Amino acid sequence: MIIFDTDNTSIVKRRMDRINKMFNINSNGLNLSFSAGISIYNKDKTIHETIEEADVALYYIKKNGKNNSAIYNRKMKK
């Protein structure tokens, strides 16, 4: 997920709250959840670099528990 402003991180939280619920389909319970890697786009990097950072953040979340979100930081690459 790419955002353009750190204030937009609350959007991720709202989306997660909506999706992380039990759904009932044909009388069967279905529990959905997701993880989101976030990178903040700015003019100092390319869109490709921004996508790579979001991907690194996503794998960081998956490695550390799933069903969460994280904003990319350089320490995640280590």
C-alpha atoms as a PDB file:
ATOM      1  CA  MET A   1       0.000   0.000   0.000  1.00  0.00           C
ATOM      2  CA  ILE A   2       1.388   3.358  -0.981  1.00  0.00           C
ATOM      3  CA  ILE A   3       0.277   6.505   0.772  1.00  0.00           C
ATOM      4  CA  PHE A   4       1.212  10.103   0.158  1.00  0.00           C
ATOM      5  CA  ASP A   5       0.954  11.430   3.687  1.00  0.00           C
ATOM      6  CA  THR A   6       1.533   9.929   7.129  1.00  0.00           C
ATOM      7  CA  ASP A   7      -1.921  11.147   8.194  1.00  0.00           C
ATOM      8  CA  ASN A   8      -3.402   8.562   5.827  1.00  0.00           C
ATOM      9  CA  THR A   9      -2.175   5.642   7.924  1.00  0.00           C
ATOM     10  CA  SER A  10      -5.492   5.762   9.779  1.00  0.00           C
ATOM     11  CA  ILE A  11      -7.123   4.683   6.509  1.00  0.00           C
ATOM     12  CA  VAL A  12      -5.275   1.374   6.800  1.00  0.00           C
ATOM     13  CA  LYS A  13      -6.565   0.850  10.327  1.00  0.00           C
ATOM     14  CA  ARG A  14     -10.158   1.532   9.242  1.00  0.00           C
ATOM     15  CA  ARG A  15      -9.842  -0.897   6.313  1.00  0.00           C
ATOM     16  CA  MET A  16      -8.416  -3.585   8.567  1.00  0.00           C
ATOM     17  CA  ASP A  17     -11.238  -3.122  11.069  1.00  0.00           C
ATOM     18  CA  ARG A  18     -13.795  -3.574   8.274  1.00  0.00           C
ATOM     19  CA  ILE A  19     -12.177  -6.656   6.780  1.00  0.00           C
ATOM     20  CA  ASN A  20     -11.119  -8.440   9.986  1.00  0.00           C
ATOM     21  CA  LYS A  21     -14.589  -9.793  10.661  1.00  0.00           C
ATOM     22  CA  MET A  22     -16.414 -13.075  10.463  1.00  0.00           C
ATOM     23  CA  PHE A  23     -18.550 -13.421   7.347  1.00  0.00           C
ATOM     24  CA  ASN A  24     -21.313 -15.926   6.853  1.00  0.00           C
ATOM     25  CA  ILE A  25     -21.499 -17.480   3.381  1.00  0.00           C
ATOM     26  CA  ASN A  26     -23.974 -20.302   2.773  1.00  0.00           C
ATOM     27  CA  SER A  27     -24.156 -20.916   6.528  1.00  0.00           C
ATOM     28  CA  ASN A  28     -20.357 -21.284   6.691  1.00  0.00           C
ATOM     29  CA  GLY A  29     -18.239 -18.932   8.768  1.00  0.00           C
ATOM     30  CA  LEU A  30     -15.394 -17.270   6.932  1.00  0.00           C
ATOM     31  CA  ASN A  31     -12.843 -15.241   8.847  1.00  0.00           C
ATOM     32  CA  LEU A  32     -10.898 -12.743   6.738  1.00  0.00           C
ATOM     33  CA  SER A  33      -7.781 -10.871   7.758  1.00  0.00           C
ATOM     34  CA  PHE A  34      -4.942  -9.139   5.966  1.00  0.00           C
ATOM     35  CA  SER A  35      -1.550  -7.618   6.403  1.00  0.00           C
ATOM     36  CA  ALA A  36      -0.467  -4.322   4.860  1.00  0.00           C
ATOM     37  CA  GLY A  37       3.029  -3.116   4.118  1.00  0.00           C
ATOM     38  CA  ILE A  38       3.038   0.647   3.788  1.00  0.00           C
ATOM     39  CA  SER A  39       5.470   2.983   2.083  1.00  0.00           C
ATOM     40  CA  ILE A  40       5.133   6.747   1.968  1.00  0.00           C
ATOM     41  CA  TYR A  41       5.730   8.156  -1.493  1.00  0.00           C
ATOM     42  CA  ASN A  42       7.745  11.327  -1.907  1.00  0.00           C
ATOM     43  CA  LYS A  43       9.547  13.071  -4.751  1.00  0.00           C
ATOM     44  CA  ASP A  44      12.968  11.844  -3.589  1.00  0.00           C
ATOM     45  CA  LYS A  45      12.350   8.268  -4.733  1.00  0.00           C
ATOM     46  CA  THR A  46      10.820   6.492  -7.691  1.00  0.00           C
ATOM     47  CA  ILE A  47       7.479   4.743  -7.615  1.00  0.00           C
ATOM     48  CA  HIS A  48       9.402   1.471  -8.087  1.00  0.00           C
ATOM     49  CA  GLU A  49      11.442   2.144  -4.922  1.00  0.00           C
ATOM     50  CA  THR A  50       8.253   3.012  -3.062  1.00  0.00           C
ATOM     51  CA  ILE A  51       6.621  -0.273  -4.111  1.00  0.00           C
ATOM     52  CA  GLU A  52       9.731  -2.209  -3.059  1.00  0.00           C
ATOM     53  CA  GLU A  53       9.619  -0.547   0.366  1.00  0.00           C
ATOM     54  CA  ALA A  54       5.937  -1.465   0.790  1.00  0.00           C
ATOM     55  CA  ASP A  55       6.828  -5.045  -0.125  1.00  0.00           C
ATOM     56  CA  VAL A  56       9.638  -5.136   2.465  1.00  0.00           C
ATOM     57  CA  ALA A  57       7.225  -3.821   5.113  1.00  0.00           C
ATOM     58  CA  LEU A  58       4.642  -6.460   4.141  1.00  0.00           C
ATOM     59  CA  TYR A  59       7.104  -9.328   4.507  1.00  0.00           C
ATOM     60  CA  TYR A  60       8.273  -7.855   7.810  1.00  0.00           C
ATOM     61  CA  ILE A  61       4.684  -8.019   9.098  1.00  0.00           C
ATOM     62  CA  LYS A  62       4.158 -11.553   7.802  1.00  0.00           C
ATOM     63  CA  LYS A  63       7.378 -12.682   9.479  1.00  0.00           C
ATOM     64  CA  ASN A  64       6.368 -11.084  12.791  1.00  0.00           C
ATOM     65  CA  GLY A  65       2.821 -12.250  13.316  1.00  0.00           C
ATOM     66  CA  LYS A  66       0.603 -11.350  10.349  1.00  0.00           C
ATOM     67  CA  ASN A  67      -2.771  -9.581  10.459  1.00  0.00           C
ATOM     68  CA  ASN A  68      -1.215  -6.176  11.035  1.00  0.00           C
ATOM     69  CA  SER A  69       0.307  -3.230   9.191  1.00  0.00           C
ATOM     70  CA  ALA A  70       3.658  -1.484   9.242  1.00  0.00           C
ATOM     71  CA  ILE A  71       5.178   1.583   7.657  1.00  0.00           C
ATOM     72  CA  TYR A  72       8.521   0.862   5.996  1.00  0.00           C
ATOM     73  CA  ASN A  73      11.683   1.923   7.768  1.00  0.00           C
ATOM     74  CA  ARG A  74      15.317   1.205   6.877  1.00  0.00           C
ATOM     75  CA  LYS A  75      15.792  -1.199   9.789  1.00  0.00           C
ATOM     76  CA  MET A  76      13.401  -3.641   8.106  1.00  0.00           C
ATOM     77  CA  LYS A  77      15.912  -4.356   5.344  1.00  0.00           C
ATOM     78  CA  LYS A  78      18.435  -5.869   7.730  1.00  0.00           C
END
